[in-house]
Amino acid sequence: MPKMKTNKSASKRFSFTKKGKIKRHKAFASHLKTHKSAKRKRGLRTAAILGPEDSARVKRMLPYG
């Protein structure tokens, strides 16, 4: 059986934790930061765990994660 291909765009956006959960970065953090509060920008810096409704789809795209 041939090897499965990794979806390269997904591999750049998501990473796995040690326990197998999927980490993602938060949206709205790249530009237009002047009107956002410091508290909001601090919260956007931290990574988030992907929800269970999307994690099965991402795991299919990253078969060797």
N, C-alpha and C. Protein backbone atom coordinates (compact mmCIF):
# COMPACT_ATOMS: atom_id res chain seq x y z
N MET A 1 0.84 -1.19 0.00
CA MET A 1 0.00 0.00 0.00
C MET A 1 0.88 1.24 0.00
N PRO A 2 0.57 2.23 -0.84
CA PRO A 2 1.42 3.43 -0.90
C PRO A 2 1.27 4.30 0.33
N LYS A 3 2.27 5.13 0.52
CA LYS A 3 2.23 6.05 1.65
C LYS A 3 1.15 7.11 1.43
N MET A 4 0.57 7.58 2.53
CA MET A 4 -0.42 8.65 2.43
C MET A 4 0.29 9.98 2.38
N LYS A 5 -0.28 10.92 1.66
CA LYS A 5 0.32 12.25 1.56
C LYS A 5 -0.21 13.15 2.67
N THR A 6 0.70 13.91 3.25
CA THR A 6 0.33 14.91 4.24
C THR A 6 -0.15 16.16 3.52
N ASN A 7 -1.24 16.75 4.00
CA ASN A 7 -1.70 18.03 3.48
C ASN A 7 -0.76 19.11 4.01
N LYS A 8 0.03 19.72 3.13
CA LYS A 8 1.09 20.63 3.56
C LYS A 8 0.54 21.92 4.15
N SER A 9 -0.59 22.40 3.67
CA SER A 9 -1.14 23.62 4.25
C SER A 9 -1.62 23.36 5.68
N ALA A 10 -2.17 22.18 5.92
CA ALA A 10 -2.61 21.84 7.28
C ALA A 10 -1.41 21.63 8.21
N SER A 11 -0.32 21.08 7.68
CA SER A 11 0.84 20.84 8.52
C SER A 11 1.49 22.14 8.96
N LYS A 12 1.33 23.20 8.17
CA LYS A 12 1.87 24.51 8.56
C LYS A 12 0.97 25.23 9.55
N ARG A 13 -0.31 24.88 9.60
CA ARG A 13 -1.26 25.57 10.47
C ARG A 13 -1.50 24.89 11.80
N PHE A 14 -1.34 23.57 11.86
CA PHE A 14 -1.68 22.81 13.06
C PHE A 14 -0.48 22.02 13.54
N SER A 15 -0.45 21.77 14.86
CA SER A 15 0.57 20.88 15.42
C SER A 15 -0.09 20.07 16.52
N PHE A 16 0.52 18.95 16.85
CA PHE A 16 -0.04 18.04 17.84
C PHE A 16 0.63 18.25 19.20
N THR A 17 -0.17 18.12 20.25
CA THR A 17 0.39 18.12 21.60
C THR A 17 0.87 16.71 21.90
N LYS A 18 1.49 16.55 23.06
CA LYS A 18 2.03 15.25 23.42
C LYS A 18 0.92 14.22 23.61
N LYS A 19 -0.26 14.66 24.05
CA LYS A 19 -1.37 13.74 24.28
C LYS A 19 -2.23 13.53 23.04
N GLY A 20 -1.87 14.16 21.91
CA GLY A 20 -2.59 13.91 20.67
C GLY A 20 -3.64 14.94 20.32
N LYS A 21 -3.80 15.98 21.15
CA LYS A 21 -4.74 17.05 20.79
C LYS A 21 -4.08 17.94 19.73
N ILE A 22 -4.91 18.72 19.05
CA ILE A 22 -4.39 19.54 17.95
C ILE A 22 -4.37 21.00 18.38
N LYS A 23 -3.19 21.62 18.24
CA LYS A 23 -3.03 23.03 18.57
C LYS A 23 -3.23 23.87 17.32
N ARG A 24 -3.83 25.05 17.51
CA ARG A 24 -4.01 25.98 16.40
C ARG A 24 -3.73 27.38 16.89
N HIS A 25 -3.47 28.28 15.94
CA HIS A 25 -3.29 29.68 16.28
C HIS A 25 -4.61 30.40 16.11
N LYS A 26 -4.79 31.49 16.85
CA LYS A 26 -6.04 32.22 16.80
C LYS A 26 -6.05 33.21 15.64
N ALA A 27 -7.24 33.49 15.14
CA ALA A 27 -7.40 34.41 14.02
C ALA A 27 -7.43 35.85 14.52
N PHE A 28 -7.38 36.79 13.59
CA PHE A 28 -7.48 38.24 13.84
C PHE A 28 -6.29 38.80 14.61
N ALA A 29 -5.12 38.17 14.51
CA ALA A 29 -3.97 38.64 15.28
C ALA A 29 -2.88 39.22 14.39
N SER A 30 -3.07 39.29 13.09
CA SER A 30 -1.95 39.65 12.21
C SER A 30 -1.82 41.14 11.94
N HIS A 31 -2.92 41.86 11.81
CA HIS A 31 -2.81 43.30 11.50
C HIS A 31 -4.00 44.05 12.08
N LEU A 32 -4.04 45.36 11.89
CA LEU A 32 -5.06 46.26 12.45
C LEU A 32 -5.10 46.14 13.97
N LYS A 33 -3.92 46.26 14.58
CA LYS A 33 -3.82 46.03 16.02
C LYS A 33 -3.99 47.29 16.85
N THR A 34 -4.09 48.46 16.22
CA THR A 34 -4.08 49.69 17.00
C THR A 34 -5.35 49.87 17.82
N HIS A 35 -6.49 49.43 17.31
CA HIS A 35 -7.73 49.63 18.06
C HIS A 35 -8.07 48.45 18.97
N LYS A 36 -7.29 47.37 18.93
CA LYS A 36 -7.53 46.24 19.81
C LYS A 36 -6.85 46.49 21.16
N SER A 37 -7.51 46.08 22.22
CA SER A 37 -6.95 46.31 23.56
C SER A 37 -5.76 45.38 23.79
N ALA A 38 -4.93 45.75 24.76
CA ALA A 38 -3.75 44.95 25.09
C ALA A 38 -4.16 43.58 25.61
N LYS A 39 -5.26 43.54 26.36
CA LYS A 39 -5.75 42.26 26.88
C LYS A 39 -6.17 41.34 25.74
N ARG A 40 -6.83 41.91 24.74
CA ARG A 40 -7.27 41.11 23.59
C ARG A 40 -6.08 40.60 22.79
N LYS A 41 -5.06 41.45 22.60
CA LYS A 41 -3.88 41.03 21.84
C LYS A 41 -3.08 39.98 22.58
N ARG A 42 -3.03 40.06 23.90
CA ARG A 42 -2.36 39.03 24.69
C ARG A 42 -3.06 37.69 24.54
N GLY A 43 -4.37 37.72 24.53
CA GLY A 43 -5.13 36.49 24.37
C GLY A 43 -4.97 35.87 22.99
N LEU A 44 -4.77 36.70 21.99
CA LEU A 44 -4.58 36.20 20.62
C LEU A 44 -3.21 35.56 20.41
N ARG A 45 -2.25 35.90 21.30
CA ARG A 45 -0.91 35.32 21.18
C ARG A 45 -0.87 33.85 21.55
N THR A 46 -1.72 33.45 22.50
CA THR A 46 -1.66 32.08 22.99
C THR A 46 -2.34 31.13 22.01
N ALA A 47 -1.85 29.91 21.97
CA ALA A 47 -2.42 28.90 21.09
C ALA A 47 -3.70 28.35 21.70
N ALA A 48 -4.56 27.80 20.86
CA ALA A 48 -5.82 27.21 21.31
C ALA A 48 -5.85 25.74 20.90
N ILE A 49 -6.68 24.97 21.57
CA ILE A 49 -6.88 23.56 21.22
C ILE A 49 -8.06 23.47 20.27
N LEU A 50 -7.89 22.71 19.22
CA LEU A 50 -8.95 22.56 18.23
C LEU A 50 -10.11 21.77 18.82
N GLY A 51 -11.33 22.15 18.47
CA GLY A 51 -12.51 21.49 18.99
C GLY A 51 -12.70 20.11 18.39
N PRO A 52 -13.51 19.28 19.05
CA PRO A 52 -13.70 17.91 18.56
C PRO A 52 -14.42 17.82 17.23
N GLU A 53 -15.21 18.84 16.88
CA GLU A 53 -15.95 18.78 15.62
C GLU A 53 -15.03 18.94 14.41
N ASP A 54 -13.85 19.57 14.58
CA ASP A 54 -12.92 19.75 13.47
C ASP A 54 -11.70 18.84 13.56
N SER A 55 -11.44 18.26 14.72
CA SER A 55 -10.19 17.53 14.90
C SER A 55 -10.14 16.26 14.05
N ALA A 56 -11.27 15.62 13.81
CA ALA A 56 -11.26 14.40 12.98
C ALA A 56 -10.86 14.73 11.54
N ARG A 57 -11.31 15.87 11.03
CA ARG A 57 -10.97 16.28 9.68
C ARG A 57 -9.49 16.60 9.56
N VAL A 58 -8.95 17.27 10.58
CA VAL A 58 -7.53 17.64 10.54
C VAL A 58 -6.66 16.40 10.70
N LYS A 59 -7.09 15.44 11.51
CA LYS A 59 -6.31 14.22 11.67
C LYS A 59 -6.24 13.42 10.37
N ARG A 60 -7.27 13.52 9.54
CA ARG A 60 -7.22 12.86 8.23
C ARG A 60 -6.21 13.54 7.31
N MET A 61 -6.09 14.88 7.46
CA MET A 61 -5.13 15.60 6.61
C MET A 61 -3.70 15.40 7.07
N LEU A 62 -3.50 15.05 8.35
CA LEU A 62 -2.16 14.85 8.91
C LEU A 62 -2.04 13.41 9.40
N PRO A 63 -1.86 12.46 8.51
CA PRO A 63 -1.91 11.05 8.92
C PRO A 63 -0.74 10.62 9.79
N TYR A 64 0.38 11.33 9.76
CA TYR A 64 1.55 10.91 10.53
C TYR A 64 1.82 11.85 11.69
N GLY A 65 0.80 12.57 12.16
CA GLY A 65 0.97 13.54 13.23
C GLY A 65 1.02 12.92 14.61
